[in-house]
Structure formats: C-alpha cells, structure tokens
C-alpha cells in the first residue's frame, strides 16, 4: 500500500520541483555531461558530444532589467540558450555569436530556459545580473 502511495505521489513531487525551478527536464545524449548551479544566478556545464535539449523553469525575484552573459568554449558543435515567456515565445537567445542579451522581467511571470546542444563538445557558463 505504501509503495502505491509513493508511486502515485512521485509525479506530483516532480511537478512541484520542476515548476519552482529545482528540476531540469529534457532529452539529450552525451558521452559525458557535468553541470551545476553556480549560486543563484549562474549555470555551468561541461560536455562531450552532446546533442538534445534541456528545459528549466526560471523564476526571478525582482522586477528589473536582467543582463545575461554566455561564455562558451567549444571544440566543435553548437550551443544555444533561449529564454521563453509563459506562452513559449522566444524573448531572448544566447549563442556563441550573440553571447549577451537583456530583458525586463515580471517577477510574477514564469519563464523557461531551453538549452540546445548540437553535437557539441566543450563547456559553457551562463550568468545574469
């Protein structure tokens, strides 16, 4: 009985973690992938032959203009990070060619960060202030 209850509650727990920005979803394949949060306003990852997408809910604590910076070191492939609004419209895209961007956020809105990898090997760090 306890097992059934735990299995029934797992999707609810995953959803609550995801919607509050504590869980990443997506589909990717890589020979190696290591990533982590660096404080409350930065993400870092290192990867080998990574392809696919990752998606994370982004919550901002203050209504203001945020500046985003992407530092990429790739041997080959491509990495892009998109920031989507609640309707899933792209409001900002960071790539090695356009490593900086800024947006004004509404702290009550939910935003999504989508990380796209195309057979990429290397590392990136994304931060905002």
N, C-alpha and C. Protein backbone atom coordinates (compact mmCIF):
# COMPACT_ATOMS: atom_id res chain seq x y z
N UNK A 1 0.82 -1.20 0.00
CA UNK A 1 0.00 0.00 0.00
C UNK A 1 0.86 1.26 0.00
N UNK A 2 1.92 1.25 0.81
CA UNK A 2 2.81 2.41 0.88
C UNK A 2 3.52 2.63 -0.46
N UNK A 3 3.87 1.56 -1.13
CA UNK A 3 4.55 1.66 -2.43
C UNK A 3 3.64 2.32 -3.45
N UNK A 4 2.39 1.94 -3.46
CA UNK A 4 1.42 2.53 -4.39
C UNK A 4 1.25 4.02 -4.11
N UNK A 5 1.20 4.39 -2.85
CA UNK A 5 1.08 5.80 -2.48
C UNK A 5 2.31 6.60 -2.92
N UNK A 6 3.48 6.04 -2.71
CA UNK A 6 4.72 6.71 -3.13
C UNK A 6 4.76 6.86 -4.65
N UNK A 7 4.42 5.81 -5.37
CA UNK A 7 4.42 5.87 -6.83
C UNK A 7 3.39 6.89 -7.33
N UNK A 8 2.26 6.98 -6.66
CA UNK A 8 1.23 7.94 -7.06
C UNK A 8 1.66 9.37 -6.77
N UNK A 9 2.45 9.60 -5.73
CA UNK A 9 2.87 10.95 -5.37
C UNK A 9 4.11 11.43 -6.14
N UNK A 10 4.88 10.54 -6.72
CA UNK A 10 6.10 10.95 -7.43
C UNK A 10 5.84 11.97 -8.54
N UNK A 11 4.85 11.79 -9.40
CA UNK A 11 4.61 12.81 -10.43
C UNK A 11 4.28 14.18 -9.84
N UNK A 12 3.55 14.20 -8.73
CA UNK A 12 3.21 15.47 -8.08
C UNK A 12 4.47 16.13 -7.54
N UNK A 13 5.32 15.35 -6.90
CA UNK A 13 6.57 15.89 -6.36
C UNK A 13 7.45 16.41 -7.49
N UNK A 14 7.59 15.65 -8.57
CA UNK A 14 8.39 16.09 -9.72
C UNK A 14 7.84 17.38 -10.30
N UNK A 15 6.52 17.47 -10.43
CA UNK A 15 5.91 18.68 -10.98
C UNK A 15 6.18 19.89 -10.10
N UNK A 16 6.03 19.74 -8.80
CA UNK A 16 6.27 20.85 -7.88
C UNK A 16 7.73 21.29 -7.95
N UNK A 17 8.66 20.35 -8.00
CA UNK A 17 10.08 20.70 -8.13
C UNK A 17 10.35 21.40 -9.46
N UNK A 18 9.78 20.90 -10.55
CA UNK A 18 10.00 21.49 -11.87
C UNK A 18 9.43 22.91 -11.94
N UNK A 19 8.21 23.09 -11.52
CA UNK A 19 7.52 24.38 -11.66
C UNK A 19 8.18 25.46 -10.81
N UNK A 20 8.89 25.07 -9.76
CA UNK A 20 9.60 26.02 -8.92
C UNK A 20 11.06 26.18 -9.30
N UNK A 21 11.49 25.55 -10.40
CA UNK A 21 12.83 25.75 -10.92
C UNK A 21 13.91 24.87 -10.33
N UNK A 22 13.53 23.81 -9.61
CA UNK A 22 14.53 22.95 -8.98
C UNK A 22 14.85 21.70 -9.79
N UNK A 23 14.13 21.47 -10.87
CA UNK A 23 14.35 20.27 -11.66
C UNK A 23 14.47 20.63 -13.14
N UNK A 24 15.34 19.93 -13.83
CA UNK A 24 15.54 20.13 -15.26
C UNK A 24 14.95 18.93 -15.99
N UNK A 25 14.23 19.20 -17.08
CA UNK A 25 13.70 18.12 -17.91
C UNK A 25 14.32 18.23 -19.29
N UNK A 26 14.12 17.23 -20.10
CA UNK A 26 14.60 17.30 -21.47
C UNK A 26 15.09 15.95 -21.94
N UNK A 27 15.65 15.98 -23.13
CA UNK A 27 16.16 14.78 -23.76
C UNK A 27 17.49 15.12 -24.42
N UNK A 28 18.54 14.48 -23.96
CA UNK A 28 19.86 14.71 -24.54
C UNK A 28 20.63 13.42 -24.52
N UNK A 29 21.62 13.35 -25.37
CA UNK A 29 22.56 12.24 -25.33
C UNK A 29 23.96 12.83 -25.35
N UNK A 30 24.84 12.24 -24.58
CA UNK A 30 26.21 12.74 -24.50
C UNK A 30 27.12 11.63 -24.01
N UNK A 31 28.36 11.67 -24.44
CA UNK A 31 29.34 10.73 -23.91
C UNK A 31 29.65 11.08 -22.46
N UNK A 32 29.66 12.38 -22.17
CA UNK A 32 29.86 12.84 -20.79
C UNK A 32 29.17 14.19 -20.65
N UNK A 33 28.56 14.42 -19.49
CA UNK A 33 27.90 15.69 -19.22
C UNK A 33 27.94 15.95 -17.73
N UNK A 34 28.51 17.09 -17.35
CA UNK A 34 28.55 17.51 -15.95
C UNK A 34 28.07 18.95 -15.92
N UNK A 35 27.09 19.23 -15.08
CA UNK A 35 26.58 20.59 -14.99
C UNK A 35 26.17 20.90 -13.56
N UNK A 36 26.19 22.19 -13.22
CA UNK A 36 25.77 22.57 -11.88
C UNK A 36 25.41 24.04 -11.82
N UNK A 37 24.67 24.39 -10.78
CA UNK A 37 24.36 25.79 -10.50
C UNK A 37 25.57 26.40 -9.83
N UNK A 38 25.86 27.63 -10.20
CA UNK A 38 26.90 28.39 -9.51
C UNK A 38 26.23 29.57 -8.84
N UNK A 39 25.74 29.35 -7.66
CA UNK A 39 24.98 30.38 -6.97
C UNK A 39 23.55 30.44 -7.49
N UNK A 40 22.90 31.56 -7.26
CA UNK A 40 21.51 31.69 -7.68
C UNK A 40 21.38 32.30 -9.07
N UNK A 41 22.47 32.74 -9.66
CA UNK A 41 22.36 33.41 -10.96
C UNK A 41 23.39 32.95 -11.98
N UNK A 42 23.77 31.69 -11.93
CA UNK A 42 24.71 31.18 -12.93
C UNK A 42 24.58 29.66 -13.06
N UNK A 43 24.80 29.19 -14.28
CA UNK A 43 24.84 27.76 -14.58
C UNK A 43 26.11 27.47 -15.34
N UNK A 44 26.66 26.30 -15.11
CA UNK A 44 27.89 25.88 -15.76
C UNK A 44 27.72 24.44 -16.20
N UNK A 45 28.28 24.09 -17.35
CA UNK A 45 28.25 22.70 -17.81
C UNK A 45 29.47 22.42 -18.68
N UNK A 46 29.92 21.18 -18.62
CA UNK A 46 30.99 20.69 -19.48
C UNK A 46 30.49 19.39 -20.08
N UNK A 47 30.75 19.16 -21.38
CA UNK A 47 30.12 18.04 -22.07
C UNK A 47 30.98 17.56 -23.23
N UNK A 48 30.73 16.32 -23.63
CA UNK A 48 31.42 15.70 -24.77
C UNK A 48 30.36 15.11 -25.69
N UNK A 49 30.36 15.52 -26.94
CA UNK A 49 29.44 15.04 -27.97
C UNK A 49 27.99 15.04 -27.47
N UNK A 50 27.53 16.20 -27.07
CA UNK A 50 26.19 16.35 -26.51
C UNK A 50 25.22 16.86 -27.58
N UNK A 51 24.09 16.21 -27.69
CA UNK A 51 23.02 16.62 -28.59
C UNK A 51 21.69 16.52 -27.84
N UNK A 52 20.78 17.45 -28.11
CA UNK A 52 19.47 17.41 -27.50
C UNK A 52 19.12 18.72 -26.83
N UNK A 53 18.09 18.67 -25.98
CA UNK A 53 17.62 19.89 -25.30
C UNK A 53 17.37 19.61 -23.82
N UNK A 54 17.54 20.64 -23.03
CA UNK A 54 17.19 20.63 -21.61
C UNK A 54 16.30 21.83 -21.36
N UNK A 55 15.37 21.70 -20.42
CA UNK A 55 14.42 22.78 -20.15
C UNK A 55 14.30 22.96 -18.64
N UNK A 56 14.30 24.23 -18.22
CA UNK A 56 14.22 24.56 -16.81
C UNK A 56 13.34 25.79 -16.62
N UNK A 57 12.53 25.79 -15.57
CA UNK A 57 11.74 26.97 -15.23
C UNK A 57 12.66 27.97 -14.56
N UNK A 58 12.57 29.23 -14.98
CA UNK A 58 13.38 30.30 -14.40
C UNK A 58 12.46 31.26 -13.67
N UNK A 59 12.75 31.48 -12.43
CA UNK A 59 12.00 32.44 -11.61
C UNK A 59 12.94 33.57 -11.24
N UNK A 60 12.45 34.78 -11.35
CA UNK A 60 13.25 35.95 -11.00
C UNK A 60 12.60 36.62 -9.80
N UNK A 61 13.41 37.03 -8.85
CA UNK A 61 12.91 37.57 -7.59
C UNK A 61 12.53 39.05 -7.65
N UNK A 62 13.10 39.79 -8.61
CA UNK A 62 12.83 41.23 -8.70
C UNK A 62 12.37 41.59 -10.11
N UNK A 63 11.51 42.58 -10.18
CA UNK A 63 11.12 43.14 -11.48
C UNK A 63 12.17 44.17 -11.85
N UNK A 64 12.98 43.83 -12.84
CA UNK A 64 14.02 44.74 -13.30
C UNK A 64 14.57 44.22 -14.62
N UNK A 65 15.51 44.97 -15.16
CA UNK A 65 16.19 44.52 -16.37
C UNK A 65 17.37 43.64 -15.96
N UNK A 66 17.37 42.43 -16.48
CA UNK A 66 18.47 41.49 -16.22
C UNK A 66 19.35 41.42 -17.46
N UNK A 67 20.66 41.38 -17.23
CA UNK A 67 21.63 41.22 -18.32
C UNK A 67 22.18 39.80 -18.23
N UNK A 68 22.17 39.11 -19.36
CA UNK A 68 22.62 37.73 -19.44
C UNK A 68 23.93 37.67 -20.21
N UNK A 69 24.83 36.79 -19.77
CA UNK A 69 26.13 36.61 -20.41
C UNK A 69 26.36 35.12 -20.60
N UNK A 70 26.85 34.75 -21.77
CA UNK A 70 27.16 33.37 -22.08
C UNK A 70 28.62 33.28 -22.47
N UNK A 71 29.40 32.52 -21.69
CA UNK A 71 30.80 32.25 -22.01
C UNK A 71 30.88 30.82 -22.51
N UNK A 72 31.29 30.65 -23.77
CA UNK A 72 31.30 29.33 -24.39
C UNK A 72 32.72 29.00 -24.84
N UNK A 73 33.12 27.77 -24.56
CA UNK A 73 34.38 27.24 -25.06
C UNK A 73 34.09 25.91 -25.74
N UNK A 74 33.91 25.93 -27.05
CA UNK A 74 33.55 24.72 -27.80
C UNK A 74 34.70 24.24 -28.67
N UNK A 75 34.92 22.94 -28.71
CA UNK A 75 35.84 22.35 -29.67
C UNK A 75 35.14 22.20 -31.02
N UNK A 76 33.89 21.75 -30.97
CA UNK A 76 33.05 21.69 -32.15
C UNK A 76 31.59 21.59 -31.72
N UNK A 77 30.71 21.73 -32.68
CA UNK A 77 29.28 21.71 -32.40
C UNK A 77 28.76 23.10 -32.08
N UNK A 78 27.55 23.13 -31.53
CA UNK A 78 26.91 24.41 -31.24
C UNK A 78 26.08 24.30 -29.97
N UNK A 79 26.00 25.41 -29.24
CA UNK A 79 25.18 25.52 -28.04
C UNK A 79 24.36 26.79 -28.16
N UNK A 80 23.08 26.73 -27.81
CA UNK A 80 22.23 27.91 -27.79
C UNK A 80 21.34 27.83 -26.54
N UNK A 81 21.11 28.97 -25.93
CA UNK A 81 20.24 29.04 -24.76
C UNK A 81 19.16 30.06 -25.08
N UNK A 82 17.90 29.63 -24.97
CA UNK A 82 16.77 30.51 -25.25
C UNK A 82 15.99 30.74 -23.97
N UNK A 83 15.50 31.95 -23.83
CA UNK A 83 14.61 32.29 -22.73
C UNK A 83 13.22 32.49 -23.32
N UNK A 84 12.25 31.72 -22.82
CA UNK A 84 10.89 31.75 -23.33
C UNK A 84 9.95 32.36 -22.30
N UNK A 85 8.89 33.02 -22.78
CA UNK A 85 7.88 33.54 -21.86
C UNK A 85 6.87 32.43 -21.58
N UNK A 86 5.81 32.74 -20.84
CA UNK A 86 4.85 31.70 -20.43
C UNK A 86 4.10 31.11 -21.61
N UNK A 87 4.00 31.86 -22.73
CA UNK A 87 3.35 31.31 -23.94
C UNK A 87 4.35 30.56 -24.82
N UNK A 88 5.56 30.38 -24.34
CA UNK A 88 6.65 29.66 -25.03
C UNK A 88 7.16 30.41 -26.25
N UNK A 89 7.05 31.75 -26.25
CA UNK A 89 7.65 32.58 -27.29
C UNK A 89 9.08 32.92 -26.90
N UNK A 90 9.99 32.86 -27.86
CA UNK A 90 11.39 33.18 -27.58
C UNK A 90 11.51 34.68 -27.37
N UNK A 91 12.01 35.08 -26.19
CA UNK A 91 12.19 36.50 -25.93
C UNK A 91 13.67 36.89 -25.92
N UNK A 92 14.56 35.89 -25.84
CA UNK A 92 15.98 36.15 -25.92
C UNK A 92 16.70 34.85 -26.27
N UNK A 93 17.74 34.98 -27.09
CA UNK A 93 18.53 33.82 -27.46
C UNK A 93 20.00 34.16 -27.32
N UNK A 94 20.73 33.29 -26.63
CA UNK A 94 22.16 33.46 -26.47
C UNK A 94 22.88 32.35 -27.22
N UNK A 95 23.85 32.72 -28.03
CA UNK A 95 24.66 31.78 -28.79
C UNK A 95 26.11 32.25 -28.70
N UNK A 96 27.06 31.46 -29.18
CA UNK A 96 28.45 31.95 -29.21
C UNK A 96 28.60 33.23 -30.05
N UNK A 97 27.74 33.41 -31.05
CA UNK A 97 27.80 34.61 -31.89
C UNK A 97 27.15 35.81 -31.20
N UNK A 98 26.14 35.60 -30.38
CA UNK A 98 25.48 36.67 -29.61
C UNK A 98 25.49 36.28 -28.14
N UNK A 99 26.62 36.50 -27.46
CA UNK A 99 26.76 35.99 -26.08
C UNK A 99 26.14 36.87 -25.00
N UNK A 100 25.55 38.00 -25.37
CA UNK A 100 24.95 38.87 -24.36
C UNK A 100 23.55 39.27 -24.76
N UNK A 101 22.71 39.48 -23.77
CA UNK A 101 21.35 39.94 -24.01
C UNK A 101 20.76 40.47 -22.72
N UNK A 102 19.66 41.18 -22.85
CA UNK A 102 18.99 41.68 -21.66
C UNK A 102 17.49 41.69 -21.89
N UNK A 103 16.76 41.50 -20.79
CA UNK A 103 15.30 41.55 -20.82
C UNK A 103 14.82 42.17 -19.51
N UNK A 104 13.64 42.73 -19.56
CA UNK A 104 12.98 43.21 -18.35
C UNK A 104 11.94 42.17 -17.97
N UNK A 105 12.02 41.68 -16.75
CA UNK A 105 11.14 40.59 -16.33
C UNK A 105 10.08 41.07 -15.37
N UNK A 106 9.00 40.31 -15.34
CA UNK A 106 7.92 40.49 -14.37
C UNK A 106 8.08 39.36 -13.36
N UNK A 107 8.29 39.67 -12.10
CA UNK A 107 8.58 38.63 -11.11
C UNK A 107 7.41 37.66 -10.91
N UNK A 108 6.22 38.03 -11.33
CA UNK A 108 5.07 37.14 -11.18
C UNK A 108 4.95 36.15 -12.34
N UNK A 109 5.68 36.40 -13.42
CA UNK A 109 5.59 35.53 -14.59
C UNK A 109 6.54 34.34 -14.46
N UNK A 110 6.24 33.31 -15.18
CA UNK A 110 7.09 32.13 -15.26
C UNK A 110 7.83 32.18 -16.60
N UNK A 111 9.12 31.96 -16.55
CA UNK A 111 9.95 31.93 -17.74
C UNK A 111 10.60 30.56 -17.84
N UNK A 112 10.98 30.20 -19.05
CA UNK A 112 11.62 28.91 -19.29
C UNK A 112 12.96 29.14 -19.96
N UNK A 113 13.98 28.40 -19.51
CA UNK A 113 15.28 28.41 -20.17
C UNK A 113 15.41 27.08 -20.91
N UNK A 114 15.71 27.17 -22.19
CA UNK A 114 15.87 25.98 -23.01
C UNK A 114 17.31 25.95 -23.51
N UNK A 115 18.02 24.89 -23.18
CA UNK A 115 19.41 24.70 -23.58
C UNK A 115 19.42 23.74 -24.75
N UNK A 116 19.99 24.17 -25.88
CA UNK A 116 20.01 23.33 -27.09
C UNK A 116 21.46 23.00 -27.44
N UNK A 117 21.72 21.72 -27.64
CA UNK A 117 23.05 21.23 -27.97
C UNK A 117 23.00 20.53 -29.31
N UNK A 118 23.97 20.81 -30.17
CA UNK A 118 24.07 20.16 -31.48
C UNK A 118 25.46 19.55 -31.60
N UNK A 119 25.59 18.29 -31.23
CA UNK A 119 26.85 17.55 -31.31
C UNK A 119 28.01 18.39 -30.75
N UNK A 120 27.80 18.96 -29.58
CA UNK A 120 28.74 19.92 -29.01
C UNK A 120 29.71 19.26 -28.03
N UNK A 121 30.95 19.70 -28.09
CA UNK A 121 31.97 19.31 -27.14
C UNK A 121 32.61 20.58 -26.61
N UNK A 122 32.65 20.71 -25.29
CA UNK A 122 33.25 21.89 -24.69
C UNK A 122 32.57 22.23 -23.38
N UNK A 123 32.42 23.53 -23.13
CA UNK A 123 31.79 23.96 -21.88
C UNK A 123 31.11 25.31 -22.10
N UNK A 124 30.25 25.65 -21.16
CA UNK A 124 29.64 26.99 -21.17
C UNK A 124 29.38 27.40 -19.73
N UNK A 125 29.29 28.70 -19.54
CA UNK A 125 28.80 29.26 -18.29
C UNK A 125 27.84 30.39 -18.66
N UNK A 126 26.63 30.32 -18.13
CA UNK A 126 25.66 31.39 -18.34
C UNK A 126 25.39 32.04 -16.99
N UNK A 127 25.43 33.37 -16.96
CA UNK A 127 25.16 34.08 -15.72
C UNK A 127 24.33 35.31 -16.04
N UNK A 128 23.68 35.85 -15.02
CA UNK A 128 22.92 37.07 -15.20
C UNK A 128 23.03 37.93 -13.95
N UNK A 129 22.83 39.21 -14.18
CA UNK A 129 22.90 40.19 -13.08
C UNK A 129 21.80 41.21 -13.24
